[in-house]
Amino acid sequence: MEVTTAALAAMAVDVLTAAHQHATRALGADDRLAVIGMGKLGGAELNYASDVDLLLNLKREATGQKKETAAPLAEVIEAAET
């Protein structure tokens, strides 16, 4: 069972890493996006019935363009859901 839960967590991390890379391409050079796995993902204990709890933290340089801030975060969430 430990091998399965660790493998599911590793797969989720791979998906989230790809989504993070995709989203950060839309950000500015000084912007930072952190995706933090919580719960069973953070503990590498995912099972087939687990949901993936995430904490997203975006540090964006002040540009006054709030609409652009939401788009990269939405892309991370959408990519993680599929």
Protein backbone atom coordinates (compact mmCIF):
# COMPACT_ATOMS: atom_id res chain seq x y z
CA MET A 1 0.00 0.00 0.00
CA GLU A 2 2.83 2.44 0.78
CA VAL A 3 4.26 1.95 -2.70
CA THR A 4 0.88 2.75 -4.29
CA THR A 5 0.26 5.87 -2.20
CA ALA A 6 3.76 7.15 -2.86
CA ALA A 7 3.36 6.51 -6.60
CA LEU A 8 0.02 8.35 -6.71
CA ALA A 9 1.57 11.29 -4.86
CA ALA A 10 4.54 11.32 -7.23
CA MET A 11 2.19 11.35 -10.22
CA ALA A 12 0.25 14.27 -8.72
CA VAL A 13 3.50 16.16 -8.15
CA ASP A 14 4.50 15.56 -11.78
CA VAL A 15 1.15 16.93 -13.01
CA LEU A 16 1.35 19.94 -10.71
CA THR A 17 4.95 20.61 -11.74
CA ALA A 18 3.92 20.70 -15.41
CA ALA A 19 0.97 22.97 -14.59
CA HIS A 20 3.25 25.24 -12.55
CA GLN A 21 5.73 25.51 -15.41
CA HIS A 22 2.92 26.33 -17.83
CA ALA A 23 1.47 28.99 -15.54
CA THR A 24 4.79 30.64 -14.71
CA ARG A 25 5.50 31.23 -18.40
CA ALA A 26 2.62 33.73 -18.31
CA LEU A 27 4.07 35.58 -15.32
CA GLY A 28 6.62 38.36 -15.34
CA ALA A 29 10.29 37.75 -14.61
CA ASP A 30 9.99 39.06 -11.04
CA ASP A 31 6.73 37.24 -10.23
CA ARG A 32 6.75 34.08 -8.14
CA LEU A 33 4.16 31.32 -7.90
CA ALA A 34 4.34 28.64 -5.22
CA VAL A 35 2.16 25.53 -5.28
CA ILE A 36 2.17 23.76 -1.92
CA GLY A 37 0.69 20.30 -1.49
CA MET A 38 -1.26 19.90 1.72
CA GLY A 39 -2.75 16.90 3.49
CA LYS A 40 -2.17 13.51 1.93
CA LEU A 41 -0.34 14.99 -1.07
CA GLY A 42 2.13 16.75 1.21
CA GLY A 43 2.60 13.53 3.17
CA ALA A 44 2.96 11.41 -0.01
CA GLU A 45 -0.02 9.34 1.13
CA LEU A 46 -2.53 9.81 -1.70
CA ASN A 47 -4.90 6.97 -2.42
CA TYR A 48 -7.47 6.51 -5.18
CA ALA A 49 -10.20 8.32 -3.21
CA SER A 50 -8.00 11.26 -2.15
CA ASP A 51 -8.55 14.79 -3.24
CA VAL A 52 -5.56 17.04 -3.81
CA ASP A 53 -5.42 19.96 -1.40
CA LEU A 54 -3.30 22.85 -2.64
CA LEU A 55 -2.18 26.18 -1.32
CA LEU A 56 -1.32 28.62 -4.10
CA ASN A 57 0.77 31.67 -3.30
CA LEU A 58 1.42 34.30 -5.95
CA LYS A 59 3.85 37.14 -5.38
CA ARG A 60 3.37 39.58 -8.20
CA GLU A 61 5.20 42.80 -8.77
CA ALA A 62 2.78 45.73 -8.64
CA THR A 63 1.54 46.30 -12.17
CA GLY A 64 -2.06 47.28 -11.49
CA GLN A 65 -3.22 44.45 -13.75
CA LYS A 66 -5.24 42.22 -11.44
CA LYS A 67 -6.96 40.45 -14.32
CA GLU A 68 -3.65 39.00 -15.49
CA THR A 69 -2.91 37.69 -12.00
CA ALA A 70 -5.98 35.47 -11.97
CA ALA A 71 -5.29 33.83 -15.33
CA PRO A 72 -2.08 31.93 -14.39
CA LEU A 73 -3.65 30.68 -11.15
CA ALA A 74 -6.73 29.50 -13.02
CA GLU A 75 -4.49 27.61 -15.45
CA VAL A 76 -2.78 25.77 -12.57
CA ILE A 77 -6.13 24.82 -11.08
CA GLU A 78 -7.60 23.69 -14.40
CA ALA A 79 -4.53 21.64 -15.28
CA ALA A 80 -4.59 19.96 -11.86
CA GLU A 81 -8.27 19.06 -12.24
CA THR A 82 -7.84 17.22 -15.54
